[in-house]
Amino acid sequence: MSLMEILDISTKVVTAASAIAAVTPTAKDDGIVSLLRRIIDFLAFNVLNAKPAKK
């Protein structure tokens, strides 16, 4: 599996999880999306740089 395929799949997973978290009322799925996002950030070496804007 190439790096581009991995990036493509990970982007789709995070997008789908974010959509599910947005339309469901529970906070538990929001935590799962947050965890997925932290894992992707870590794998992308995005540890201290770009962070989502505070709400």
PDB file of N, CA and C in Angstrom:
ATOM      1  N   MET A   1       0.857  -1.172   0.000  1.00  0.00           N
ATOM      2  CA  MET A   1       0.000   0.000   0.000  1.00  0.00           C
ATOM      3  C   MET A   1       0.906   1.238   0.000  1.00  0.00           C
ATOM      4  N   SER A   2       0.647   2.154  -0.898  1.00  0.00           N
ATOM      5  CA  SER A   2       1.483   3.342  -1.018  1.00  0.00           C
ATOM      6  C   SER A   2       1.075   4.411  -0.002  1.00  0.00           C
ATOM      7  N   LEU A   3       1.932   5.378   0.176  1.00  0.00           N
ATOM      8  CA  LEU A   3       1.666   6.476   1.101  1.00  0.00           C
ATOM      9  C   LEU A   3       0.420   7.257   0.680  1.00  0.00           C
ATOM     10  N   MET A   4       0.254   7.454  -0.604  1.00  0.00           N
ATOM     11  CA  MET A   4      -0.925   8.188  -1.091  1.00  0.00           C
ATOM     12  C   MET A   4      -2.217   7.438  -0.781  1.00  0.00           C
ATOM     13  N   GLU A   5      -2.205   6.126  -0.893  1.00  0.00           N
ATOM     14  CA  GLU A   5      -3.385   5.329  -0.565  1.00  0.00           C
ATOM     15  C   GLU A   5      -3.702   5.412   0.923  1.00  0.00           C
ATOM     16  N   ILE A   6      -2.675   5.371   1.755  1.00  0.00           N
ATOM     17  CA  ILE A   6      -2.865   5.488   3.201  1.00  0.00           C
ATOM     18  C   ILE A   6      -3.438   6.845   3.555  1.00  0.00           C
ATOM     19  N   LEU A   7      -2.911   7.903   2.960  1.00  0.00           N
ATOM     20  CA  LEU A   7      -3.427   9.245   3.216  1.00  0.00           C
ATOM     21  C   LEU A   7      -4.870   9.385   2.742  1.00  0.00           C
ATOM     22  N   ASP A   8      -5.169   8.802   1.608  1.00  0.00           N
ATOM     23  CA  ASP A   8      -6.526   8.853   1.074  1.00  0.00           C
ATOM     24  C   ASP A   8      -7.513   8.153   2.014  1.00  0.00           C
ATOM     25  N   ILE A   9      -7.150   6.969   2.456  1.00  0.00           N
ATOM     26  CA  ILE A   9      -8.025   6.207   3.356  1.00  0.00           C
ATOM     27  C   ILE A   9      -8.184   6.922   4.689  1.00  0.00           C
ATOM     28  N   SER A  10      -7.097   7.427   5.257  1.00  0.00           N
ATOM     29  CA  SER A  10      -7.186   8.095   6.553  1.00  0.00           C
ATOM     30  C   SER A  10      -8.031   9.364   6.466  1.00  0.00           C
ATOM     31  N   THR A  11      -7.918  10.093   5.366  1.00  0.00           N
ATOM     32  CA  THR A  11      -8.740  11.279   5.171  1.00  0.00           C
ATOM     33  C   THR A  11     -10.216  10.908   5.104  1.00  0.00           C
ATOM     34  N   LYS A  12     -10.533   9.856   4.396  1.00  0.00           N
ATOM     35  CA  LYS A  12     -11.924   9.413   4.289  1.00  0.00           C
ATOM     36  C   LYS A  12     -12.477   8.943   5.630  1.00  0.00           C
ATOM     37  N   VAL A  13     -11.651   8.255   6.411  1.00  0.00           N
ATOM     38  CA  VAL A  13     -12.103   7.776   7.723  1.00  0.00           C
ATOM     39  C   VAL A  13     -12.408   8.948   8.644  1.00  0.00           C
ATOM     40  N   VAL A  14     -11.512   9.927   8.701  1.00  0.00           N
ATOM     41  CA  VAL A  14     -11.727  11.082   9.564  1.00  0.00           C
ATOM     42  C   VAL A  14     -12.933  11.891   9.087  1.00  0.00           C
ATOM     43  N   THR A  15     -13.098  12.048   7.790  1.00  0.00           N
ATOM     44  CA  THR A  15     -14.246  12.784   7.253  1.00  0.00           C
ATOM     45  C   THR A  15     -15.553  12.090   7.611  1.00  0.00           C
ATOM     46  N   ALA A  16     -15.601  10.792   7.434  1.00  0.00           N
ATOM     47  CA  ALA A  16     -16.817  10.044   7.763  1.00  0.00           C
ATOM     48  C   ALA A  16     -17.104  10.107   9.260  1.00  0.00           C
ATOM     49  N   ALA A  17     -16.077   9.959  10.081  1.00  0.00           N
ATOM     50  CA  ALA A  17     -16.269  10.013  11.523  1.00  0.00           C
ATOM     51  C   ALA A  17     -16.723  11.400  11.963  1.00  0.00           C
ATOM     52  N   SER A  18     -16.192  12.433  11.353  1.00  0.00           N
ATOM     53  CA  SER A  18     -16.607  13.801  11.684  1.00  0.00           C
ATOM     54  C   SER A  18     -18.069  14.030  11.310  1.00  0.00           C
ATOM     55  N   ALA A  19     -18.485  13.502  10.168  1.00  0.00           N
ATOM     56  CA  ALA A  19     -19.882  13.646   9.750  1.00  0.00           C
ATOM     57  C   ALA A  19     -20.810  12.924  10.716  1.00  0.00           C
ATOM     58  N   ILE A  20     -20.433  11.739  11.146  1.00  0.00           N
ATOM     59  CA  ILE A  20     -21.246  10.985  12.098  1.00  0.00           C
ATOM     60  C   ILE A  20     -21.328  11.720  13.432  1.00  0.00           C
ATOM     61  N   ALA A  21     -20.203  12.247  13.899  1.00  0.00           N
ATOM     62  CA  ALA A  21     -20.185  12.978  15.168  1.00  0.00           C
ATOM     63  C   ALA A  21     -21.033  14.244  15.088  1.00  0.00           C
ATOM     64  N   ALA A  22     -21.078  14.855  13.937  1.00  0.00           N
ATOM     65  CA  ALA A  22     -21.841  16.098  13.786  1.00  0.00           C
ATOM     66  C   ALA A  22     -23.348  15.861  13.823  1.00  0.00           C
ATOM     67  N   VAL A  23     -23.805  14.716  13.358  1.00  0.00           N
ATOM     68  CA  VAL A  23     -25.248  14.485  13.285  1.00  0.00           C
ATOM     69  C   VAL A  23     -25.804  13.662  14.446  1.00  0.00           C
ATOM     70  N   THR A  24     -24.934  13.161  15.311  1.00  0.00           N
ATOM     71  CA  THR A  24     -25.412  12.402  16.469  1.00  0.00           C
ATOM     72  C   THR A  24     -25.254  13.250  17.724  1.00  0.00           C
ATOM     73  N   PRO A  25     -26.193  13.120  18.670  1.00  0.00           N
ATOM     74  CA  PRO A  25     -26.194  13.998  19.833  1.00  0.00           C
ATOM     75  C   PRO A  25     -25.250  13.600  20.967  1.00  0.00           C
ATOM     76  N   THR A  26     -24.620  12.458  20.912  1.00  0.00           N
ATOM     77  CA  THR A  26     -23.806  12.023  22.041  1.00  0.00           C
ATOM     78  C   THR A  26     -22.388  12.578  21.973  1.00  0.00           C
ATOM     79  N   ALA A  27     -21.807  12.735  23.148  1.00  0.00           N
ATOM     80  CA  ALA A  27     -20.426  13.234  23.217  1.00  0.00           C
ATOM     81  C   ALA A  27     -19.417  12.114  23.031  1.00  0.00           C
ATOM     82  N   LYS A  28     -19.839  10.866  23.191  1.00  0.00           N
ATOM     83  CA  LYS A  28     -18.917   9.735  23.069  1.00  0.00           C
ATOM     84  C   LYS A  28     -18.316   9.655  21.669  1.00  0.00           C
ATOM     85  N   ASP A  29     -19.140   9.826  20.631  1.00  0.00           N
ATOM     86  CA  ASP A  29     -18.604   9.754  19.268  1.00  0.00           C
ATOM     87  C   ASP A  29     -17.707  10.948  18.964  1.00  0.00           C
ATOM     88  N   ASP A  30     -17.950  12.088  19.604  1.00  0.00           N
ATOM     89  CA  ASP A  30     -17.059  13.232  19.438  1.00  0.00           C
ATOM     90  C   ASP A  30     -15.660  12.902  19.955  1.00  0.00           C
ATOM     91  N   GLY A  31     -15.598  12.137  21.032  1.00  0.00           N
ATOM     92  CA  GLY A  31     -14.312  11.711  21.588  1.00  0.00           C
ATOM     93  C   GLY A  31     -13.571  10.786  20.645  1.00  0.00           C
ATOM     94  N   ILE A  32     -14.307   9.921  19.964  1.00  0.00           N
ATOM     95  CA  ILE A  32     -13.691   9.001  19.010  1.00  0.00           C
ATOM     96  C   ILE A  32     -13.094   9.777  17.845  1.00  0.00           C
ATOM     97  N   VAL A  33     -13.831  10.774  17.356  1.00  0.00           N
ATOM     98  CA  VAL A  33     -13.317  11.610  16.264  1.00  0.00           C
ATOM     99  C   VAL A  33     -12.077  12.364  16.722  1.00  0.00           C
ATOM    100  N   SER A  34     -12.106  12.876  17.931  1.00  0.00           N
ATOM    101  CA  SER A  34     -10.954  13.590  18.467  1.00  0.00           C
ATOM    102  C   SER A  34      -9.732  12.669  18.543  1.00  0.00           C
ATOM    103  N   LEU A  35      -9.942  11.434  18.980  1.00  0.00           N
ATOM    104  CA  LEU A  35      -8.850  10.470  19.042  1.00  0.00           C
ATOM    105  C   LEU A  35      -8.297  10.181  17.650  1.00  0.00           C
ATOM    106  N   LEU A  36      -9.185   9.948  16.684  1.00  0.00           N
ATOM    107  CA  LEU A  36      -8.736   9.702  15.311  1.00  0.00           C
ATOM    108  C   LEU A  36      -7.928  10.877  14.776  1.00  0.00           C
ATOM    109  N   ARG A  37      -8.400  12.082  15.056  1.00  0.00           N
ATOM    110  CA  ARG A  37      -7.709  13.272  14.580  1.00  0.00           C
ATOM    111  C   ARG A  37      -6.319  13.397  15.214  1.00  0.00           C
ATOM    112  N   ARG A  38      -6.215  13.082  16.523  1.00  0.00           N
ATOM    113  CA  ARG A  38      -4.899  13.135  17.190  1.00  0.00           C
ATOM    114  C   ARG A  38      -3.946  12.101  16.607  1.00  0.00           C
ATOM    115  N   ILE A  39      -4.465  10.912  16.287  1.00  0.00           N
ATOM    116  CA  ILE A  39      -3.618   9.872  15.690  1.00  0.00           C
ATOM    117  C   ILE A  39      -3.113  10.323  14.324  1.00  0.00           C
ATOM    118  N   ILE A  40      -4.007  10.870  13.509  1.00  0.00           N
ATOM    119  CA  ILE A  40      -3.610  11.355  12.180  1.00  0.00           C
ATOM    120  C   ILE A  40      -2.591  12.483  12.312  1.00  0.00           C
ATOM    121  N   ASP A  41      -2.809  13.414  13.247  1.00  0.00           N
ATOM    122  CA  ASP A  41      -1.854  14.498  13.463  1.00  0.00           C
ATOM    123  C   ASP A  41      -0.491  13.949  13.865  1.00  0.00           C
ATOM    124  N   PHE A  42      -0.471  12.957  14.738  1.00  0.00           N
ATOM    125  CA  PHE A  42       0.792  12.365  15.166  1.00  0.00           C
ATOM    126  C   PHE A  42       1.502  11.702  13.991  1.00  0.00           C
ATOM    127  N   LEU A  43       0.758  10.934  13.203  1.00  0.00           N
ATOM    128  CA  LEU A  43       1.358  10.254  12.056  1.00  0.00           C
ATOM    129  C   LEU A  43       1.853  11.240  11.008  1.00  0.00           C
ATOM    130  N   ALA A  44       1.227  12.418  10.959  1.00  0.00           N
ATOM    131  CA  ALA A  44       1.634  13.443   9.992  1.00  0.00           C
ATOM    132  C   ALA A  44       2.714  14.358  10.573  1.00  0.00           C
ATOM    133  N   PHE A  45       3.229  14.019  11.755  1.00  0.00           N
ATOM    134  CA  PHE A  45       4.225  14.838  12.452  1.00  0.00           C
ATOM    135  C   PHE A  45       3.704  16.248  12.710  1.00  0.00           C
ATOM    136  N   ASN A  46       2.412  16.380  12.885  1.00  0.00           N
ATOM    137  CA  ASN A  46       1.779  17.666  13.164  1.00  0.00           C
ATOM    138  C   ASN A  46       1.530  17.743  14.673  1.00  0.00           C
ATOM    139  N   VAL A  47       2.618  17.740  15.441  1.00  0.00           N
ATOM    140  CA  VAL A  47       2.499  17.648  16.881  1.00  0.00           C
ATOM    141  C   VAL A  47       2.304  19.016  17.525  1.00  0.00           C
ATOM    142  N   LEU A  48       3.053  20.012  17.125  1.00  0.00           N
ATOM    143  CA  LEU A  48       2.984  21.321  17.772  1.00  0.00           C
ATOM    144  C   LEU A  48       2.551  22.453  16.846  1.00  0.00           C
ATOM    145  N   ASN A  49       2.442  22.202  15.568  1.00  0.00           N
ATOM    146  CA  ASN A  49       2.208  23.285  14.622  1.00  0.00           C
ATOM    147  C   ASN A  49       0.728  23.649  14.483  1.00  0.00           C
ATOM    148  N   ALA A  50       0.093  23.172  13.466  1.00  0.00           N
ATOM    149  CA  ALA A  50      -1.290  23.558  13.158  1.00  0.00           C
ATOM    150  C   ALA A  50      -2.251  22.877  14.115  1.00  0.00           C
ATOM    151  N   LYS A  51      -3.077  23.662  14.744  1.00  0.00           N
ATOM    152  CA  LYS A  51      -4.114  23.168  15.646  1.00  0.00           C
ATOM    153  C   LYS A  51      -5.453  23.708  15.197  1.00  0.00           C
ATOM    154  N   PRO A  52      -6.536  22.964  15.420  1.00  0.00           N
ATOM    155  CA  PRO A  52      -7.860  23.482  15.081  1.00  0.00           C
ATOM    156  C   PRO A  52      -8.169  24.729  15.923  1.00  0.00           C
ATOM    157  N   ALA A  53      -8.939  25.642  15.357  1.00  0.00           N
ATOM    158  CA  ALA A  53      -9.296  26.853  16.062  1.00  0.00           C
ATOM    159  C   ALA A  53     -10.170  26.521  17.267  1.00  0.00           C
ATOM    160  N   LYS A  54      -9.966  27.262  18.354  1.00  0.00           N
ATOM    161  CA  LYS A  54     -10.772  27.073  19.560  1.00  0.00           C
ATOM    162  C   LYS A  54     -12.177  27.565  19.302  1.00  0.00           C
ATOM    163  N   LYS A  55     -13.154  26.852  19.838  1.00  0.00           N
ATOM    164  CA  LYS A  55     -14.554  27.238  19.645  1.00  0.00           C
ATOM    165  C   LYS A  55     -14.982  28.214  20.714  1.00  0.00           C
TER     166      LYS A  55
END
